[in-house]
C-alpha cells in the first residue's frame, strides 16, 4: 500500500508514482527499486515483481518437489558450470 512522506521522513512501504513522457514511473522508497510502465497499474505490477526479486522472494532455484510437479526428474536436471546455449560470447 502506498503512503506519503511527511517532514522528509519516509514511511514503511512508501511508493512514489509519477508520470513521465508517455508512461508512469514507480519507485519503492525503502529499497530504491524503480520501474516503469505504460499505465499506473502496469508500473505498480512491475514494481511488485522487481521488489520481490530484489528481496530474494523470486528468482530462486526450484525445489526437487517443484521440479517433480513439472514432470522433471531432479536427478537428471543438471547443467553444472555450463553456460546456457542461448548466451552469446
C-alpha atoms as a PDB file:
ATOM      1  CA  UNK A   1       0.000   0.000   0.000  1.00  0.00           C
ATOM      2  CA  UNK A   2       1.377   3.372  -0.942  1.00  0.00           C
ATOM      3  CA  UNK A   3       1.826   6.041   1.644  1.00  0.00           C
ATOM      4  CA  UNK A   4       3.222   9.508   1.680  1.00  0.00           C
ATOM      5  CA  UNK A   5       6.127  11.212   3.330  1.00  0.00           C
ATOM      6  CA  UNK A   6       5.801  13.955   5.885  1.00  0.00           C
ATOM      7  CA  UNK A   7       8.591  16.230   7.087  1.00  0.00           C
ATOM      8  CA  UNK A   8      11.034  14.366   4.837  1.00  0.00           C
ATOM      9  CA  UNK A   9      10.648  11.013   6.657  1.00  0.00           C
ATOM     10  CA  UNK A  10       9.765   8.004   4.510  1.00  0.00           C
ATOM     11  CA  UNK A  11       7.096   5.708   5.888  1.00  0.00           C
ATOM     12  CA  UNK A  12       7.486   1.966   5.606  1.00  0.00           C
ATOM     13  CA  UNK A  13       6.004   0.727   2.331  1.00  0.00           C
ATOM     14  CA  UNK A  14       6.050   4.169   0.723  1.00  0.00           C
ATOM     15  CA  UNK A  15       5.820   4.259  -3.062  1.00  0.00           C
ATOM     16  CA  UNK A  16       6.422   7.247  -5.317  1.00  0.00           C
ATOM     17  CA  UNK A  17       4.469   7.256  -8.576  1.00  0.00           C
ATOM     18  CA  UNK A  18       4.756   9.893 -11.277  1.00  0.00           C
ATOM     19  CA  UNK A  19       4.023  10.372 -14.962  1.00  0.00           C
ATOM     20  CA  UNK A  20       6.942  10.862 -17.329  1.00  0.00           C
ATOM     21  CA  UNK A  21       6.600  11.263 -21.097  1.00  0.00           C
ATOM     22  CA  UNK A  22       4.238   8.512 -22.315  1.00  0.00           C
ATOM     23  CA  UNK A  23       4.427   6.302 -19.215  1.00  0.00           C
ATOM     24  CA  UNK A  24       4.496   6.010 -15.460  1.00  0.00           C
ATOM     25  CA  UNK A  25       7.428   5.602 -13.074  1.00  0.00           C
ATOM     26  CA  UNK A  26       7.010   3.724  -9.767  1.00  0.00           C
ATOM     27  CA  UNK A  27       9.671   3.742  -7.039  1.00  0.00           C
ATOM     28  CA  UNK A  28       9.773   1.804  -3.783  1.00  0.00           C
ATOM     29  CA  UNK A  29      11.215   4.374  -1.389  1.00  0.00           C
ATOM     30  CA  UNK A  30      12.679   1.883   1.095  1.00  0.00           C
ATOM     31  CA  UNK A  31      14.643  -0.229  -1.414  1.00  0.00           C
ATOM     32  CA  UNK A  32      15.163   2.353  -4.146  1.00  0.00           C
ATOM     33  CA  UNK A  33      13.868  -0.139  -6.731  1.00  0.00           C
ATOM     34  CA  UNK A  34      12.310   1.739  -9.662  1.00  0.00           C
ATOM     35  CA  UNK A  35      10.256   0.511 -12.610  1.00  0.00           C
ATOM     36  CA  UNK A  36       8.166   1.951 -15.393  1.00  0.00           C
ATOM     37  CA  UNK A  37       5.079   1.013 -17.370  1.00  0.00           C
ATOM     38  CA  UNK A  38       2.611   2.375 -19.913  1.00  0.00           C
ATOM     39  CA  UNK A  39      -0.051   2.743 -17.197  1.00  0.00           C
ATOM     40  CA  UNK A  40      -0.105   3.272 -13.445  1.00  0.00           C
ATOM     41  CA  UNK A  41      -1.303  -0.282 -12.958  1.00  0.00           C
ATOM     42  CA  UNK A  42       1.458  -1.752 -15.136  1.00  0.00           C
ATOM     43  CA  UNK A  43       4.151   0.285 -13.371  1.00  0.00           C
ATOM     44  CA  UNK A  44       2.891  -0.858  -9.955  1.00  0.00           C
ATOM     45  CA  UNK A  45       2.654  -4.520 -11.015  1.00  0.00           C
ATOM     46  CA  UNK A  46       6.202  -4.381 -12.353  1.00  0.00           C
ATOM     47  CA  UNK A  47       7.337  -2.715  -9.129  1.00  0.00           C
ATOM     48  CA  UNK A  48       5.842  -5.582  -7.096  1.00  0.00           C
ATOM     49  CA  UNK A  49       7.809  -8.079  -9.197  1.00  0.00           C
ATOM     50  CA  UNK A  50      11.032  -6.062  -9.068  1.00  0.00           C
ATOM     51  CA  UNK A  51      10.891  -5.612  -5.284  1.00  0.00           C
ATOM     52  CA  UNK A  52      10.216  -9.335  -4.850  1.00  0.00           C
ATOM     53  CA  UNK A  53      13.299 -10.112  -6.959  1.00  0.00           C
ATOM     54  CA  UNK A  54      15.337  -7.553  -5.030  1.00  0.00           C
ATOM     55  CA  UNK A  55      14.350  -9.133  -1.715  1.00  0.00           C
ATOM     56  CA  UNK A  56      15.065 -12.672  -2.928  1.00  0.00           C
ATOM     57  CA  UNK A  57      11.443 -13.755  -2.987  1.00  0.00           C
ATOM     58  CA  UNK A  58      11.677 -14.652  -6.670  1.00  0.00           C
ATOM     59  CA  UNK A  59      14.455 -15.945  -8.841  1.00  0.00           C
ATOM     60  CA  UNK A  60      15.419 -18.797  -6.528  1.00  0.00           C
ATOM     61  CA  UNK A  61      16.325 -22.332  -7.531  1.00  0.00           C
ATOM     62  CA  UNK A  62      13.280 -24.626  -7.685  1.00  0.00           C
ATOM     63  CA  UNK A  63      12.964 -27.334  -5.065  1.00  0.00           C
ATOM     64  CA  UNK A  64      13.073 -31.011  -6.039  1.00  0.00           C
ATOM     65  CA  UNK A  65       9.349 -31.235  -5.294  1.00  0.00           C
ATOM     66  CA  UNK A  66       8.592 -28.291  -7.605  1.00  0.00           C
ATOM     67  CA  UNK A  67      10.625 -29.921 -10.373  1.00  0.00           C
ATOM     68  CA  UNK A  68       8.744 -33.214  -9.950  1.00  0.00           C
ATOM     69  CA  UNK A  69       5.415 -31.344 -10.152  1.00  0.00           C
ATOM     70  CA  UNK A  70       6.568 -30.056 -13.558  1.00  0.00           C
ATOM     71  CA  UNK A  71       7.471 -33.566 -14.697  1.00  0.00           C
ATOM     72  CA  UNK A  72      11.226 -33.027 -14.352  1.00  0.00           C
ATOM     73  CA  UNK A  73      13.468 -35.594 -12.668  1.00  0.00           C
ATOM     74  CA  UNK A  74      15.679 -33.597 -10.261  1.00  0.00           C
ATOM     75  CA  UNK A  75      18.497 -36.148 -10.550  1.00  0.00           C
ATOM     76  CA  UNK A  76      18.671 -35.634 -14.319  1.00  0.00           C
ATOM     77  CA  UNK A  77      18.349 -31.853 -14.181  1.00  0.00           C
ATOM     78  CA  UNK A  78      21.973 -30.746 -14.041  1.00  0.00           C
ATOM     79  CA  UNK A  79      23.865 -28.192 -16.045  1.00  0.00           C
ATOM     80  CA  UNK A  80      26.978 -27.989 -13.907  1.00  0.00           C
ATOM     81  CA  UNK A  81      29.070 -24.983 -14.779  1.00  0.00           C
ATOM     82  CA  UNK A  82      27.939 -24.926 -18.402  1.00  0.00           C
ATOM     83  CA  UNK A  83      26.732 -21.708 -19.934  1.00  0.00           C
ATOM     84  CA  UNK A  84      23.186 -21.775 -21.254  1.00  0.00           C
ATOM     85  CA  UNK A  85      23.164 -22.381 -25.032  1.00  0.00           C
ATOM     86  CA  UNK A  86      21.492 -19.029 -25.759  1.00  0.00           C
ATOM     87  CA  UNK A  87      24.298 -16.937 -24.207  1.00  0.00           C
ATOM     88  CA  UNK A  88      26.498 -15.172 -26.738  1.00  0.00           C
ATOM     89  CA  UNK A  89      30.199 -14.655 -26.190  1.00  0.00           C
END
